[in-house]
C-alpha atoms as a PDB file:
ATOM      1  CA  MET A   1      -0.334 -19.522  -1.233  1.00  0.00           C
ATOM      2  CA  SER A   2       2.879 -17.841  -2.441  1.00  0.00           C
ATOM      3  CA  ASN A   3       4.607 -14.922   0.004  1.00  0.00           C
ATOM      4  CA  GLN A   4       5.557 -13.204  -2.991  1.00  0.00           C
ATOM      5  CA  SER A   5       2.907 -10.828  -2.927  1.00  0.00           C
ATOM      6  CA  GLY A   6       3.371 -10.508   0.424  1.00  0.00           C
ATOM      7  CA  VAL A   7       6.817  -9.193   0.536  1.00  0.00           C
ATOM      8  CA  TYR A   8       5.150  -6.384  -2.456  1.00  0.00           C
ATOM      9  CA  MET A   9       2.189  -5.522  -1.118  1.00  0.00           C
ATOM     10  CA  ASP A  10       4.668  -4.430   2.083  1.00  0.00           C
ATOM     11  CA  LEU A  11       7.320  -2.672   0.559  1.00  0.00           C
ATOM     12  CA  ILE A  12       4.422  -0.919  -1.580  1.00  0.00           C
ATOM     13  CA  TYR A  13       3.072   0.103   1.506  1.00  0.00           C
ATOM     14  CA  ALA A  14       6.199   1.661   2.906  1.00  0.00           C
ATOM     15  CA  SER A  15       6.737   3.493   0.190  1.00  0.00           C
ATOM     16  CA  LEU A  16       3.542   5.293   0.669  1.00  0.00           C
ATOM     17  CA  ALA A  17       3.995   5.755   3.818  1.00  0.00           C
ATOM     18  CA  GLN A  18       7.474   7.675   3.732  1.00  0.00           C
ATOM     19  CA  GLY A  19       5.693  10.542   1.914  1.00  0.00           C
ATOM     20  CA  THR A  20       2.751  11.457   4.033  1.00  0.00           C
ATOM     21  CA  ALA A  21       5.127  12.970   7.431  1.00  0.00           C
ATOM     22  CA  LYS A  22       8.579  13.380   8.802  1.00  0.00           C
ATOM     23  CA  ALA A  23       7.563  11.369  12.018  1.00  0.00           C
ATOM     24  CA  SER A  24       5.069   8.938  11.597  1.00  0.00           C
ATOM     25  CA  PHE A  25       3.538   5.522  12.771  1.00  0.00           C
ATOM     26  CA  THR A  26       1.293   2.771  11.595  1.00  0.00           C
ATOM     27  CA  SER A  27      -1.897   3.067  13.122  1.00  0.00           C
ATOM     28  CA  GLU A  28      -3.560   0.397  10.879  1.00  0.00           C
ATOM     29  CA  PHE A  29      -2.635  -2.030   8.246  1.00  0.00           C
ATOM     30  CA  LYS A  30      -4.574  -4.599   6.783  1.00  0.00           C
ATOM     31  CA  ILE A  31      -3.648  -6.870   3.318  1.00  0.00           C
ATOM     32  CA  ASN A  32      -6.244  -9.286   1.508  1.00  0.00           C
ATOM     33  CA  TYR A  33      -4.482 -11.946  -0.380  1.00  0.00           C
ATOM     34  CA  VAL A  34      -6.817 -13.084  -2.718  1.00  0.00           C
ATOM     35  CA  ARG A  35      -4.770 -15.258  -5.170  1.00  0.00           C
ATOM     36  CA  PRO A  36      -0.825 -16.044  -6.062  1.00  0.00           C
ATOM     37  CA  ALA A  37       1.242 -13.671  -7.434  1.00  0.00           C
ATOM     38  CA  MET A  38       2.047 -16.094 -10.091  1.00  0.00           C
ATOM     39  CA  GLY A  39       2.480 -14.273 -13.860  1.00  0.00           C
ATOM     40  CA  GLU A  40       4.461 -11.791 -16.533  1.00  0.00           C
ATOM     41  CA  LEU A  41       4.098  -8.620 -14.482  1.00  0.00           C
ATOM     42  CA  LEU A  42       2.988  -7.231 -11.781  1.00  0.00           C
ATOM     43  CA  ILE A  43       1.282  -4.119 -11.268  1.00  0.00           C
ATOM     44  CA  ALA A  44       0.563  -1.549  -8.315  1.00  0.00           C
ATOM     45  CA  ARG A  45      -2.229   0.971  -8.108  1.00  0.00           C
ATOM     46  CA  ALA A  46      -2.066   3.147  -5.066  1.00  0.00           C
ATOM     47  CA  THR A  47      -4.169   6.145  -3.928  1.00  0.00           C
ATOM     48  CA  VAL A  48      -4.369   8.050  -1.003  1.00  0.00           C
ATOM     49  CA  VAL A  49      -8.029   7.620   0.463  1.00  0.00           C
ATOM     50  CA  HIS A  50      -7.660  10.354   2.896  1.00  0.00           C
ATOM     51  CA  ALA A  51      -4.493  12.852   3.461  1.00  0.00           C
ATOM     52  CA  GLY A  52      -5.630  14.718   6.458  1.00  0.00           C
ATOM     53  CA  ARG A  53      -3.392  17.400   8.981  1.00  0.00           C
ATOM     54  CA  THR A  54      -3.086  14.286  11.375  1.00  0.00           C
ATOM     55  CA  GLN A  55      -3.234  10.928   9.524  1.00  0.00           C
ATOM     56  CA  ALA A  56      -3.185   9.596   6.003  1.00  0.00           C
ATOM     57  CA  VAL A  57      -5.581   6.686   4.856  1.00  0.00           C
ATOM     58  CA  CYS A  58      -3.910   5.385   1.768  1.00  0.00           C
ATOM     59  CA  ARG A  59      -4.883   1.910  -0.599  1.00  0.00           C
ATOM     60  CA  CYS A  60      -2.953  -0.444  -3.321  1.00  0.00           C
ATOM     61  CA  ASP A  61      -4.255  -2.779  -5.132  1.00  0.00           C
ATOM     62  CA  LEU A  62      -1.375  -5.831  -6.592  1.00  0.00           C
ATOM     63  CA  TYR A  63      -2.567  -7.052  -9.969  1.00  0.00           C
ATOM     64  CA  VAL A  64      -0.752  -9.380 -11.973  1.00  0.00           C
ATOM     65  CA  SER A  65      -0.755  -9.747 -15.684  1.00  0.00           C
ATOM     66  CA  SER A  66      -0.860 -12.836 -17.738  1.00  0.00           C
ATOM     67  CA  GLY A  67      -0.988 -12.900 -21.321  1.00  0.00           C
ATOM     68  CA  GLY A  68      -2.617  -9.633 -21.368  1.00  0.00           C
ATOM     69  CA  ARG A  69      -4.751  -9.803 -18.827  1.00  0.00           C
ATOM     70  CA  GLU A  70      -5.228  -8.386 -15.294  1.00  0.00           C
ATOM     71  CA  SER A  71      -5.859 -10.471 -12.261  1.00  0.00           C
ATOM     72  CA  LEU A  72      -6.176  -8.659  -8.932  1.00  0.00           C
ATOM     73  CA  CYS A  73      -4.008 -10.847  -6.830  1.00  0.00           C
ATOM     74  CA  ALA A  74      -3.918  -8.770  -3.275  1.00  0.00           C
ATOM     75  CA  THR A  75      -5.298  -5.422  -1.550  1.00  0.00           C
ATOM     76  CA  ALA A  76      -3.779  -3.626   0.996  1.00  0.00           C
ATOM     77  CA  GLN A  77      -4.934  -0.202   3.191  1.00  0.00           C
ATOM     78  CA  GLY A  78      -3.746   1.202   6.429  1.00  0.00           C
ATOM     79  CA  THR A  79      -3.227   4.737   7.940  1.00  0.00           C
ATOM     80  CA  ILE A  80      -0.560   6.419   8.867  1.00  0.00           C
ATOM     81  CA  ALA A  81      -0.774   8.799  11.363  1.00  0.00           C
ATOM     82  CA  ARG A  82       1.578  12.225  12.267  1.00  0.00           C
ATOM     83  CA  ILE A  83       4.136  12.338  15.352  1.00  0.00           C
ATOM     84  CA  GLY A  84       4.306  15.336  16.807  1.00  0.00           C
ATOM     85  CA  GLN A  85       3.743  19.215  15.509  1.00  0.00           C
ATOM     86  CA  GLN A  86       3.085  19.862  11.695  1.00  0.00           C
ATOM     87  CA  GLU A  87       6.034  22.177  10.298  1.00  0.00           C
ATOM     88  CA  THR A  88       5.206  25.493   8.650  1.00  0.00           C
ATOM     89  CA  GLY A  89       7.315  26.958   6.015  1.00  0.00           C
END
């Protein structure tokens, strides 16, 4: 299986985590690799499953497109927890 999909999933997840809090840590993270990311185009679809005061749960599915057909190649879900006090303003 190509390591390419793992690298892309890690980058996508890191981008989601950056927007949740100024100081945070990953409390849970899981990736399921379904098939190699071999094709013409990679497509990531991410959603915030839950965004609370102290944590956020994000999910991202990575698809590969080849010949106009999309196939799931990996799915990830992670929980990011906030460190410290919430800013007011």
